[in-house]
Amino acid sequence: MLNVMNDSVQLGVRDYVNETGTLTTPGDKSTYGAYWRAFFAKYEVQSVEVLERVVQEWYLFSELRLTLRRRECGTVVAFNTAELFVPAKDGLFITQIGHGTDEAVANAIH
């Protein structure tokens, strides 16, 4: 994920790592990477379903359903996210902003 991000990337997405329900806002590429390393240390991706995707020259929008396994207990959970990515002049993304639904036990969703 870091390879497609500009060095000045700004992030504003729901904080699933600390389960605050608020936005997490790492201010540079290093803390951006640290957030995602913590996310993937907490969750193992089971599947990602693209619900909606819009690609234009000046933005990318995606709505996803993520099904994940919590590594500490093995519970399979899911949530939806909607995020906007904005490219910088170098073609790398400089902004990622979005939010997501509350985490729910996956089999309770279907």
PDB file of N, CA and C in Angstrom:
ATOM      1  N   MET A   1       0.814  -1.190   0.000  1.00  0.00           N
ATOM      2  CA  MET A   1       0.000   0.000   0.000  1.00  0.00           C
ATOM      3  C   MET A   1       0.860   1.257   0.000  1.00  0.00           C
ATOM      4  N   LEU A   2       1.992   1.209   0.666  1.00  0.00           N
ATOM      5  CA  LEU A   2       2.849   2.391   0.725  1.00  0.00           C
ATOM      6  C   LEU A   2       3.420   2.764  -0.633  1.00  0.00           C
ATOM      7  N   ASN A   3       3.598   1.783  -1.515  1.00  0.00           N
ATOM      8  CA  ASN A   3       4.197   2.061  -2.820  1.00  0.00           C
ATOM      9  C   ASN A   3       3.365   2.982  -3.690  1.00  0.00           C
ATOM     10  N   VAL A   4       2.062   3.076  -3.442  1.00  0.00           N
ATOM     11  CA  VAL A   4       1.203   3.940  -4.265  1.00  0.00           C
ATOM     12  C   VAL A   4       0.863   5.250  -3.550  1.00  0.00           C
ATOM     13  N   MET A   5       1.536   5.523  -2.421  1.00  0.00           N
ATOM     14  CA  MET A   5       1.259   6.729  -1.647  1.00  0.00           C
ATOM     15  C   MET A   5       2.396   7.736  -1.756  1.00  0.00           C
ATOM     16  N   ASN A   6       2.014   8.998  -1.911  1.00  0.00           N
ATOM     17  CA  ASN A   6       2.942  10.116  -1.927  1.00  0.00           C
ATOM     18  C   ASN A   6       3.581  10.256  -0.541  1.00  0.00           C
ATOM     19  N   ASP A   7       4.781  10.802  -0.464  1.00  0.00           N
ATOM     20  CA  ASP A   7       5.461  10.974   0.828  1.00  0.00           C
ATOM     21  C   ASP A   7       4.669  11.847   1.795  1.00  0.00           C
ATOM     22  N   SER A   8       3.820  12.735   1.284  1.00  0.00           N
ATOM     23  CA  SER A   8       3.031  13.628   2.130  1.00  0.00           C
ATOM     24  C   SER A   8       1.606  13.128   2.350  1.00  0.00           C
ATOM     25  N   VAL A   9       1.377  11.839   2.176  1.00  0.00           N
ATOM     26  CA  VAL A   9       0.022  11.282   2.252  1.00  0.00           C
ATOM     27  C   VAL A   9      -0.672  11.662   3.564  1.00  0.00           C
ATOM     28  N   GLN A  10      -1.940  11.992   3.434  1.00  0.00           N
ATOM     29  CA  GLN A  10      -2.791  12.290   4.583  1.00  0.00           C
ATOM     30  C   GLN A  10      -3.889  11.238   4.645  1.00  0.00           C
ATOM     31  N   LEU A  11      -4.149  10.750   5.826  1.00  0.00           N
ATOM     32  CA  LEU A  11      -5.120   9.685   6.028  1.00  0.00           C
ATOM     33  C   LEU A  11      -6.174  10.151   7.017  1.00  0.00           C
ATOM     34  N   GLY A  12      -7.416   9.871   6.682  1.00  0.00           N
ATOM     35  CA  GLY A  12      -8.513  10.101   7.613  1.00  0.00           C
ATOM     36  C   GLY A  12      -9.532   8.997   7.413  1.00  0.00           C
ATOM     37  N   VAL A  13      -9.381   7.893   8.122  1.00  0.00           N
ATOM     38  CA  VAL A  13     -10.296   6.758   7.998  1.00  0.00           C
ATOM     39  C   VAL A  13     -10.684   6.283   9.394  1.00  0.00           C
ATOM     40  N   ARG A  14     -11.741   5.499   9.464  1.00  0.00           N
ATOM     41  CA  ARG A  14     -12.185   4.962  10.759  1.00  0.00           C
ATOM     42  C   ARG A  14     -11.075   4.148  11.409  1.00  0.00           C
ATOM     43  N   ASP A  15     -10.895   4.370  12.691  1.00  0.00           N
ATOM     44  CA  ASP A  15      -9.830   3.692  13.432  1.00  0.00           C
ATOM     45  C   ASP A  15     -10.302   2.322  13.909  1.00  0.00           C
ATOM     46  N   TYR A  16     -10.067   1.312  13.088  1.00  0.00           N
ATOM     47  CA  TYR A  16     -10.401  -0.062  13.472  1.00  0.00           C
ATOM     48  C   TYR A  16      -9.327  -0.682  14.359  1.00  0.00           C
ATOM     49  N   VAL A  17      -8.122  -0.139  14.334  1.00  0.00           N
ATOM     50  CA  VAL A  17      -7.035  -0.690  15.149  1.00  0.00           C
ATOM     51  C   VAL A  17      -7.313  -0.488  16.630  1.00  0.00           C
ATOM     52  N   ASN A  18      -7.683   0.728  17.003  1.00  0.00           N
ATOM     53  CA  ASN A  18      -7.950   1.048  18.411  1.00  0.00           C
ATOM     54  C   ASN A  18      -9.425   0.979  18.761  1.00  0.00           C
ATOM     55  N   GLU A  19     -10.262   0.671  17.774  1.00  0.00           N
ATOM     56  CA  GLU A  19     -11.701   0.499  17.953  1.00  0.00           C
ATOM     57  C   GLU A  19     -12.366   1.693  18.617  1.00  0.00           C
ATOM     58  N   THR A  20     -11.959   2.897  18.192  1.00  0.00           N
ATOM     59  CA  THR A  20     -12.543   4.109  18.769  1.00  0.00           C
ATOM     60  C   THR A  20     -13.800   4.540  18.019  1.00  0.00           C
ATOM     61  N   GLY A  21     -13.961   4.115  16.766  1.00  0.00           N
ATOM     62  CA  GLY A  21     -15.081   4.574  15.957  1.00  0.00           C
ATOM     63  C   GLY A  21     -14.863   5.968  15.411  1.00  0.00           C
ATOM     64  N   THR A  22     -13.725   6.569  15.756  1.00  0.00           N
ATOM     65  CA  THR A  22     -13.392   7.915  15.284  1.00  0.00           C
ATOM     66  C   THR A  22     -12.386   7.815  14.144  1.00  0.00           C
ATOM     67  N   LEU A  23     -12.041   8.958  13.579  1.00  0.00           N
ATOM     68  CA  LEU A  23     -11.051   8.976  12.514  1.00  0.00           C
ATOM     69  C   LEU A  23      -9.646   8.854  13.079  1.00  0.00           C
ATOM     70  N   THR A  24      -8.805   8.129  12.366  1.00  0.00           N
ATOM     71  CA  THR A  24      -7.383   8.116  12.651  1.00  0.00           C
ATOM     72  C   THR A  24      -6.742   9.017  11.608  1.00  0.00           C
ATOM     73  N   THR A  25      -5.793   9.831  12.008  1.00  0.00           N
ATOM     74  CA  THR A  25      -5.241  10.816  11.075  1.00  0.00           C
ATOM     75  C   THR A  25      -3.715  10.873  11.124  1.00  0.00           C
ATOM     76  N   PRO A  26      -3.037   9.782  10.767  1.00  0.00           N
ATOM     77  CA  PRO A  26      -1.579   9.858  10.672  1.00  0.00           C
ATOM     78  C   PRO A  26      -1.178  10.939   9.673  1.00  0.00           C
ATOM     79  N   GLY A  27      -0.178  11.724  10.017  1.00  0.00           N
ATOM     80  CA  GLY A  27       0.162  12.892   9.210  1.00  0.00           C
ATOM     81  C   GLY A  27       1.281  12.731   8.206  1.00  0.00           C
ATOM     82  N   ASP A  28       1.861  11.552   8.078  1.00  0.00           N
ATOM     83  CA  ASP A  28       2.915  11.372   7.081  1.00  0.00           C
ATOM     84  C   ASP A  28       2.980   9.897   6.665  1.00  0.00           C
ATOM     85  N   LYS A  29       3.829   9.603   5.715  1.00  0.00           N
ATOM     86  CA  LYS A  29       3.886   8.257   5.150  1.00  0.00           C
ATOM     87  C   LYS A  29       4.336   7.221   6.189  1.00  0.00           C
ATOM     88  N   SER A  30       5.212   7.602   7.080  1.00  0.00           N
ATOM     89  CA  SER A  30       5.695   6.668   8.107  1.00  0.00           C
ATOM     90  C   SER A  30       4.565   6.251   9.049  1.00  0.00           C
ATOM     91  N   THR A  31       3.799   7.208   9.561  1.00  0.00           N
ATOM     92  CA  THR A  31       2.709   6.864  10.473  1.00  0.00           C
ATOM     93  C   THR A  31       1.540   6.237   9.720  1.00  0.00           C
ATOM     94  N   TYR A  32       1.395   6.585   8.444  1.00  0.00           N
ATOM     95  CA  TYR A  32       0.403   5.916   7.588  1.00  0.00           C
ATOM     96  C   TYR A  32       0.730   4.424   7.517  1.00  0.00           C
ATOM     97  N   GLY A  33       1.992   4.117   7.236  1.00  0.00           N
ATOM     98  CA  GLY A  33       2.429   2.721   7.173  1.00  0.00           C
ATOM     99  C   GLY A  33       2.274   2.004   8.502  1.00  0.00           C
ATOM    100  N   ALA A  34       2.560   2.706   9.601  1.00  0.00           N
ATOM    101  CA  ALA A  34       2.430   2.098  10.933  1.00  0.00           C
ATOM    102  C   ALA A  34       0.979   1.745  11.222  1.00  0.00           C
ATOM    103  N   TYR A  35       0.046   2.614  10.817  1.00  0.00           N
ATOM    104  CA  TYR A  35      -1.371   2.309  11.036  1.00  0.00           C
ATOM    105  C   TYR A  35      -1.747   1.033  10.301  1.00  0.00           C
ATOM    106  N   TRP A  36      -1.372   0.912   9.034  1.00  0.00           N
ATOM    107  CA  TRP A  36      -1.766  -0.262   8.251  1.00  0.00           C
ATOM    108  C   TRP A  36      -1.049  -1.530   8.712  1.00  0.00           C
ATOM    109  N   ARG A  37       0.184  -1.416   9.181  1.00  0.00           N
ATOM    110  CA  ARG A  37       0.856  -2.598   9.745  1.00  0.00           C
ATOM    111  C   ARG A  37       0.097  -3.076  10.986  1.00  0.00           C
ATOM    112  N   ALA A  38      -0.353  -2.151  11.821  1.00  0.00           N
ATOM    113  CA  ALA A  38      -1.130  -2.513  13.013  1.00  0.00           C
ATOM    114  C   ALA A  38      -2.478  -3.118  12.612  1.00  0.00           C
ATOM    115  N   PHE A  39      -3.108  -2.584  11.572  1.00  0.00           N
ATOM    116  CA  PHE A  39      -4.384  -3.118  11.098  1.00  0.00           C
ATOM    117  C   PHE A  39      -4.216  -4.568  10.653  1.00  0.00           C
ATOM    118  N   PHE A  40      -3.187  -4.840   9.841  1.00  0.00           N
ATOM    119  CA  PHE A  40      -2.996  -6.198   9.337  1.00  0.00           C
ATOM    120  C   PHE A  40      -2.415  -7.135  10.387  1.00  0.00           C
ATOM    121  N   ALA A  41      -1.823  -6.592  11.439  1.00  0.00           N
ATOM    122  CA  ALA A  41      -1.416  -7.437  12.567  1.00  0.00           C
ATOM    123  C   ALA A  41      -2.644  -7.868  13.372  1.00  0.00           C
ATOM    124  N   LYS A  42      -3.669  -7.045  13.376  1.00  0.00           N
ATOM    125  CA  LYS A  42      -4.901  -7.339  14.112  1.00  0.00           C
ATOM    126  C   LYS A  42      -5.838  -8.237  13.313  1.00  0.00           C
ATOM    127  N   TYR A  43      -5.898  -8.048  11.997  1.00  0.00           N
ATOM    128  CA  TYR A  43      -6.840  -8.760  11.139  1.00  0.00           C
ATOM    129  C   TYR A  43      -6.128  -9.542  10.031  1.00  0.00           C
ATOM    130  N   GLU A  44      -6.636 -10.714   9.746  1.00  0.00           N
ATOM    131  CA  GLU A  44      -6.224 -11.482   8.567  1.00  0.00           C
ATOM    132  C   GLU A  44      -7.364 -11.361   7.553  1.00  0.00           C
ATOM    133  N   VAL A  45      -7.042 -10.908   6.347  1.00  0.00           N
ATOM    134  CA  VAL A  45      -8.057 -10.700   5.323  1.00  0.00           C
ATOM    135  C   VAL A  45      -8.557 -12.048   4.818  1.00  0.00           C
ATOM    136  N   GLN A  46      -9.871 -12.235   4.888  1.00  0.00           N
ATOM    137  CA  GLN A  46     -10.519 -13.424   4.350  1.00  0.00           C
ATOM    138  C   GLN A  46     -11.040 -13.156   2.944  1.00  0.00           C
ATOM    139  N   SER A  47     -11.667 -11.984   2.751  1.00  0.00           N
ATOM    140  CA  SER A  47     -12.149 -11.599   1.422  1.00  0.00           C
ATOM    141  C   SER A  47     -12.418 -10.104   1.380  1.00  0.00           C
ATOM    142  N   VAL A  48     -12.378  -9.571   0.160  1.00  0.00           N
ATOM    143  CA  VAL A  48     -12.721  -8.179  -0.098  1.00  0.00           C
ATOM    144  C   VAL A  48     -13.661  -8.178  -1.294  1.00  0.00           C
ATOM    145  N   GLU A  49     -14.849  -7.632  -1.087  1.00  0.00           N
ATOM    146  CA  GLU A  49     -15.833  -7.542  -2.163  1.00  0.00           C
ATOM    147  C   GLU A  49     -15.991  -6.077  -2.542  1.00  0.00           C
ATOM    148  N   VAL A  50     -15.790  -5.762  -3.830  1.00  0.00           N
ATOM    149  CA  VAL A  50     -15.978  -4.399  -4.308  1.00  0.00           C
ATOM    150  C   VAL A  50     -17.472  -4.174  -4.517  1.00  0.00           C
ATOM    151  N   LEU A  51     -18.046  -3.258  -3.746  1.00  0.00           N
ATOM    152  CA  LEU A  51     -19.462  -2.927  -3.870  1.00  0.00           C
ATOM    153  C   LEU A  51     -19.674  -1.808  -4.880  1.00  0.00           C
ATOM    154  N   GLU A  52     -18.736  -0.869  -4.922  1.00  0.00           N
ATOM    155  CA  GLU A  52     -18.798   0.250  -5.860  1.00  0.00           C
ATOM    156  C   GLU A  52     -17.388   0.761  -6.081  1.00  0.00           C
ATOM    157  N   ARG A  53     -17.115   1.205  -7.307  1.00  0.00           N
ATOM    158  CA  ARG A  53     -15.802   1.778  -7.623  1.00  0.00           C
ATOM    159  C   ARG A  53     -16.006   2.809  -8.711  1.00  0.00           C
ATOM    160  N   VAL A  54     -15.440   3.985  -8.519  1.00  0.00           N
ATOM    161  CA  VAL A  54     -15.473   5.048  -9.519  1.00  0.00           C
ATOM    162  C   VAL A  54     -14.050   5.547  -9.674  1.00  0.00           C
ATOM    163  N   VAL A  55     -13.571   5.576 -10.908  1.00  0.00           N
ATOM    164  CA  VAL A  55     -12.208   6.020 -11.181  1.00  0.00           C
ATOM    165  C   VAL A  55     -12.267   7.186 -12.158  1.00  0.00           C
ATOM    166  N   GLN A  56     -11.716   8.305 -11.749  1.00  0.00           N
ATOM    167  CA  GLN A  56     -11.601   9.500 -12.581  1.00  0.00           C
ATOM    168  C   GLN A  56     -10.145   9.964 -12.523  1.00  0.00           C
ATOM    169  N   GLU A  57      -9.781  10.939 -13.341  1.00  0.00           N
ATOM    170  CA  GLU A  57      -8.400  11.443 -13.326  1.00  0.00           C
ATOM    171  C   GLU A  57      -8.022  12.024 -11.969  1.00  0.00           C
ATOM    172  N   TRP A  58      -8.965  12.642 -11.279  1.00  0.00           N
ATOM    173  CA  TRP A  58      -8.637  13.374 -10.060  1.00  0.00           C
ATOM    174  C   TRP A  58      -9.078  12.676  -8.778  1.00  0.00           C
ATOM    175  N   TYR A  59      -9.679  11.507  -8.876  1.00  0.00           N
ATOM    176  CA  TYR A  59     -10.010  10.765  -7.654  1.00  0.00           C
ATOM    177  C   TYR A  59     -10.348   9.314  -7.978  1.00  0.00           C
ATOM    178  N   LEU A  60     -10.305   8.505  -6.929  1.00  0.00           N
ATOM    179  CA  LEU A  60     -10.773   7.127  -6.974  1.00  0.00           C
ATOM    180  C   LEU A  60     -11.670   6.951  -5.755  1.00  0.00           C
ATOM    181  N   PHE A  61     -12.868   6.419  -5.966  1.00  0.00           N
ATOM    182  CA  PHE A  61     -13.788   6.130  -4.870  1.00  0.00           C
ATOM    183  C   PHE A  61     -14.006   4.635  -4.836  1.00  0.00           C
ATOM    184  N   SER A  62     -13.997   4.071  -3.636  1.00  0.00           N
ATOM    185  CA  SER A  62     -14.296   2.645  -3.509  1.00  0.00           C
ATOM    186  C   SER A  62     -15.161   2.403  -2.286  1.00  0.00           C
ATOM    187  N   GLU A  63     -16.113   1.496  -2.469  1.00  0.00           N
ATOM    188  CA  GLU A  63     -16.912   1.003  -1.358  1.00  0.00           C
ATOM    189  C   GLU A  63     -16.665  -0.494  -1.306  1.00  0.00           C
ATOM    190  N   LEU A  64     -16.194  -0.965  -0.175  1.00  0.00           N
ATOM    191  CA  LEU A  64     -15.777  -2.355  -0.045  1.00  0.00           C
ATOM    192  C   LEU A  64     -16.479  -3.036   1.122  1.00  0.00           C
ATOM    193  N   ARG A  65     -16.680  -4.325   1.004  1.00  0.00           N
ATOM    194  CA  ARG A  65     -17.075  -5.165   2.138  1.00  0.00           C
ATOM    195  C   ARG A  65     -15.874  -6.039   2.463  1.00  0.00           C
ATOM    196  N   LEU A  66     -15.333  -5.863   3.657  1.00  0.00           N
ATOM    197  CA  LEU A  66     -14.175  -6.636   4.091  1.00  0.00           C
ATOM    198  C   LEU A  66     -14.621  -7.714   5.067  1.00  0.00           C
ATOM    199  N   THR A  67     -14.192  -8.928   4.828  1.00  0.00           N
ATOM    200  CA  THR A  67     -14.394 -10.026   5.770  1.00  0.00           C
ATOM    201  C   THR A  67     -13.010 -10.389   6.284  1.00  0.00           C
ATOM    202  N   LEU A  68     -12.852 -10.347   7.604  1.00  0.00           N
ATOM    203  CA  LEU A  68     -11.546 -10.475   8.241  1.00  0.00           C
ATOM    204  C   LEU A  68     -11.637 -11.430   9.413  1.00  0.00           C
ATOM    205  N   ARG A  69     -10.505 -12.040   9.732  1.00  0.00           N
ATOM    206  CA  ARG A  69     -10.414 -12.876  10.933  1.00  0.00           C
ATOM    207  C   ARG A  69      -9.579 -12.129  11.949  1.00  0.00           C
ATOM    208  N   ARG A  70     -10.146 -11.959  13.155  1.00  0.00           N
ATOM    209  CA  ARG A  70      -9.376 -11.332  14.240  1.00  0.00           C
ATOM    210  C   ARG A  70      -8.301 -12.322  14.689  1.00  0.00           C
ATOM    211  N   ARG A  71      -7.062 -11.927  14.593  1.00  0.00           N
ATOM    212  CA  ARG A  71      -5.952 -12.838  14.878  1.00  0.00           C
ATOM    213  C   ARG A  71      -5.925 -13.285  16.339  1.00  0.00           C
ATOM    214  N   GLU A  72      -6.324 -12.420  17.294  1.00  0.00           N
ATOM    215  CA  GLU A  72      -6.192 -12.780  18.713  1.00  0.00           C
ATOM    216  C   GLU A  72      -7.199 -13.821  19.158  1.00  0.00           C
ATOM    217  N   CYS A  73      -8.347 -13.938  18.438  1.00  0.00           N
ATOM    218  CA  CYS A  73      -9.364 -14.881  18.917  1.00  0.00           C
ATOM    219  C   CYS A  73      -9.940 -15.767  17.804  1.00  0.00           C
ATOM    220  N   GLY A  74      -9.659 -15.450  16.558  1.00  0.00           N
ATOM    221  CA  GLY A  74     -10.143 -16.268  15.454  1.00  0.00           C
ATOM    222  C   GLY A  74     -11.543 -15.930  14.968  1.00  0.00           C
ATOM    223  N   THR A  75     -12.216 -14.983  15.595  1.00  0.00           N
ATOM    224  CA  THR A  75     -13.563 -14.598  15.181  1.00  0.00           C
ATOM    225  C   THR A  75     -13.526 -13.947  13.796  1.00  0.00           C
ATOM    226  N   VAL A  76     -14.439 -14.378  12.934  1.00  0.00           N
ATOM    227  CA  VAL A  76     -14.535 -13.782  11.600  1.00  0.00           C
ATOM    228  C   VAL A  76     -15.548 -12.641  11.673  1.00  0.00           C
ATOM    229  N   VAL A  77     -15.103 -11.461  11.269  1.00  0.00           N
ATOM    230  CA  VAL A  77     -15.923 -10.255  11.321  1.00  0.00           C
ATOM    231  C   VAL A  77     -15.979  -9.625   9.942  1.00  0.00           C
ATOM    232  N   ALA A  78     -16.883  -8.665   9.785  1.00  0.00           N
ATOM    233  CA  ALA A  78     -16.989  -7.956   8.514  1.00  0.00           C
ATOM    234  C   ALA A  78     -17.435  -6.530   8.765  1.00  0.00           C
ATOM    235  N   PHE A  79     -17.061  -5.664   7.858  1.00  0.00           N
ATOM    236  CA  PHE A  79     -17.558  -4.289   7.847  1.00  0.00           C
ATOM    237  C   PHE A  79     -17.406  -3.737   6.442  1.00  0.00           C
ATOM    238  N   ASN A  80     -18.156  -2.676   6.161  1.00  0.00           N
ATOM    239  CA  ASN A  80     -18.080  -1.996   4.874  1.00  0.00           C
ATOM    240  C   ASN A  80     -17.317  -0.695   5.054  1.00  0.00           C
ATOM    241  N   THR A  81     -16.568  -0.310   4.033  1.00  0.00           N
ATOM    242  CA  THR A  81     -15.878   0.966   4.048  1.00  0.00           C
ATOM    243  C   THR A  81     -16.213   1.723   2.767  1.00  0.00           C
ATOM    244  N   ALA A  82     -16.172   3.031   2.844  1.00  0.00           N
ATOM    245  CA  ALA A  82     -16.304   3.901   1.680  1.00  0.00           C
ATOM    246  C   ALA A  82     -15.171   4.909   1.772  1.00  0.00           C
ATOM    247  N   GLU A  83     -14.322   4.940   0.746  1.00  0.00           N
ATOM    248  CA  GLU A  83     -13.129   5.780   0.820  1.00  0.00           C
ATOM    249  C   GLU A  83     -12.867   6.483  -0.500  1.00  0.00           C
ATOM    250  N   LEU A  84     -12.281   7.672  -0.369  1.00  0.00           N
ATOM    251  CA  LEU A  84     -11.902   8.496  -1.502  1.00  0.00           C
ATOM    252  C   LEU A  84     -10.386   8.645  -1.492  1.00  0.00           C
ATOM    253  N   PHE A  85      -9.771   8.418  -2.628  1.00  0.00           N
ATOM    254  CA  PHE A  85      -8.326   8.574  -2.794  1.00  0.00           C
ATOM    255  C   PHE A  85      -8.090   9.677  -3.818  1.00  0.00           C
ATOM    256  N   VAL A  86      -7.156  10.590  -3.531  1.00  0.00           N
ATOM    257  CA  VAL A  86      -6.856  11.704  -4.433  1.00  0.00           C
ATOM    258  C   VAL A  86      -5.384  11.627  -4.824  1.00  0.00           C
ATOM    259  N   PRO A  87      -5.080  11.644  -6.137  1.00  0.00           N
ATOM    260  CA  PRO A  87      -3.687  11.576  -6.561  1.00  0.00           C
ATOM    261  C   PRO A  87      -2.992  12.939  -6.492  1.00  0.00           C
ATOM    262  N   ALA A  88      -1.698  12.902  -6.251  1.00  0.00           N
ATOM    263  CA  ALA A  88      -0.856  14.100  -6.301  1.00  0.00           C
ATOM    264  C   ALA A  88      -0.334  14.265  -7.733  1.00  0.00           C
ATOM    265  N   LYS A  89       0.428  15.312  -7.962  1.00  0.00           N
ATOM    266  CA  LYS A  89       0.989  15.567  -9.299  1.00  0.00           C
ATOM    267  C   LYS A  89       1.914  14.453  -9.764  1.00  0.00           C
ATOM    268  N   ASP A  90       2.509  13.714  -8.812  1.00  0.00           N
ATOM    269  CA  ASP A  90       3.426  12.621  -9.175  1.00  0.00           C
ATOM    270  C   ASP A  90       2.690  11.324  -9.520  1.00  0.00           C
ATOM    271  N   GLY A  91       1.349  11.347  -9.463  1.00  0.00           N
ATOM    272  CA  GLY A  91       0.559  10.160  -9.783  1.00  0.00           C
ATOM    273  C   GLY A  91       0.328   9.240  -8.612  1.00  0.00           C
ATOM    274  N   LEU A  92       0.999   9.499  -7.493  1.00  0.00           N
ATOM    275  CA  LEU A  92       0.775   8.717  -6.272  1.00  0.00           C
ATOM    276  C   LEU A  92      -0.350   9.361  -5.474  1.00  0.00           C
ATOM    277  N   PHE A  93      -0.993   8.588  -4.622  1.00  0.00           N
ATOM    278  CA  PHE A  93      -2.097   9.127  -3.838  1.00  0.00           C
ATOM    279  C   PHE A  93      -1.578   9.974  -2.684  1.00  0.00           C
ATOM    280  N   ILE A  94      -2.175  11.156  -2.520  1.00  0.00           N
ATOM    281  CA  ILE A  94      -1.782  12.068  -1.444  1.00  0.00           C
ATOM    282  C   ILE A  94      -2.826  12.112  -0.331  1.00  0.00           C
ATOM    283  N   THR A  95      -4.037  11.642  -0.637  1.00  0.00           N
ATOM    284  CA  THR A  95      -5.114  11.667   0.344  1.00  0.00           C
ATOM    285  C   THR A  95      -5.908  10.378   0.301  1.00  0.00           C
ATOM    286  N   GLN A  96      -6.219   9.852   1.466  1.00  0.00           N
ATOM    287  CA  GLN A  96      -7.165   8.751   1.623  1.00  0.00           C
ATOM    288  C   GLN A  96      -8.094   9.159   2.752  1.00  0.00           C
ATOM    289  N   ILE A  97      -9.369   9.293   2.441  1.00  0.00           N
ATOM    290  CA  ILE A  97     -10.336   9.689   3.457  1.00  0.00           C
ATOM    291  C   ILE A  97     -11.593   8.858   3.316  1.00  0.00           C
ATOM    292  N   GLY A  98     -12.165   8.471   4.434  1.00  0.00           N
ATOM    293  CA  GLY A  98     -13.368   7.657   4.383  1.00  0.00           C
ATOM    294  C   GLY A  98     -13.794   7.227   5.763  1.00  0.00           C
ATOM    295  N   HIS A  99     -14.719   6.316   5.792  1.00  0.00           N
ATOM    296  CA  HIS A  99     -15.206   5.792   7.068  1.00  0.00           C
ATOM    297  C   HIS A  99     -15.783   4.411   6.822  1.00  0.00           C
ATOM    298  N   GLY A 100     -16.236   3.759   7.860  1.00  0.00           N
ATOM    299  CA  GLY A 100     -16.776   2.423   7.715  1.00  0.00           C
ATOM    300  C   GLY A 100     -17.852   2.129   8.740  1.00  0.00           C
ATOM    301  N   THR A 101     -18.501   1.014   8.535  1.00  0.00           N
ATOM    302  CA  THR A 101     -19.560   0.579   9.439  1.00  0.00           C
ATOM    303  C   THR A 101     -18.947  -0.042  10.689  1.00  0.00           C
ATOM    304  N   ASP A 102     -19.762  -0.274  11.671  1.00  0.00           N
ATOM    305  CA  ASP A 102     -19.319  -1.007  12.855  1.00  0.00           C
ATOM    306  C   ASP A 102     -18.957  -2.429  12.450  1.00  0.00           C
ATOM    307  N   GLU A 103     -18.010  -2.994  13.157  1.00  0.00           N
ATOM    308  CA  GLU A 103     -17.626  -4.382  12.951  1.00  0.00           C
ATOM    309  C   GLU A 103     -18.761  -5.289  13.422  1.00  0.00           C
ATOM    310  N   ALA A 104     -19.050  -6.343  12.656  1.00  0.00           N
ATOM    311  CA  ALA A 104     -20.085  -7.305  13.046  1.00  0.00           C
ATOM    312  C   ALA A 104     -19.557  -8.706  12.796  1.00  0.00           C
ATOM    313  N   VAL A 105     -20.028  -9.662  13.572  1.00  0.00           N
ATOM    314  CA  VAL A 105     -19.654 -11.054  13.353  1.00  0.00           C
ATOM    315  C   VAL A 105     -20.152 -11.435  11.948  1.00  0.00           C
ATOM    316  N   ALA A 106     -19.271 -11.984  11.134  1.00  0.00           N
ATOM    317  CA  ALA A 106     -19.554 -12.195   9.711  1.00  0.00           C
ATOM    318  C   ALA A 106     -20.785 -13.037   9.438  1.00  0.00           C
ATOM    319  N   ASN A 107     -20.979 -14.144  10.157  1.00  0.00           N
ATOM    320  CA  ASN A 107     -22.134 -14.990   9.859  1.00  0.00           C
ATOM    321  C   ASN A 107     -23.450 -14.341  10.273  1.00  0.00           C
ATOM    322  N   ALA A 108     -23.381 -13.304  11.116  1.00  0.00           N
ATOM    323  CA  ALA A 108     -24.592 -12.582  11.502  1.00  0.00           C
ATOM    324  C   ALA A 108     -25.015 -11.592  10.418  1.00  0.00           C
ATOM    325  N   ILE A 109     -24.111 -11.318   9.456  1.00  0.00           N
ATOM    326  CA  ILE A 109     -24.385 -10.343   8.396  1.00  0.00           C
ATOM    327  C   ILE A 109     -25.131 -10.992   7.257  1.00  0.00           C
ATOM    328  N   HIS A 110     -24.823 -12.238   6.954  1.00  0.00           N
ATOM    329  CA  HIS A 110     -25.356 -12.868   5.730  1.00  0.00           C
ATOM    330  C   HIS A 110     -26.692 -13.499   5.949  1.00  0.00           C
TER     331      HIS A 110
END
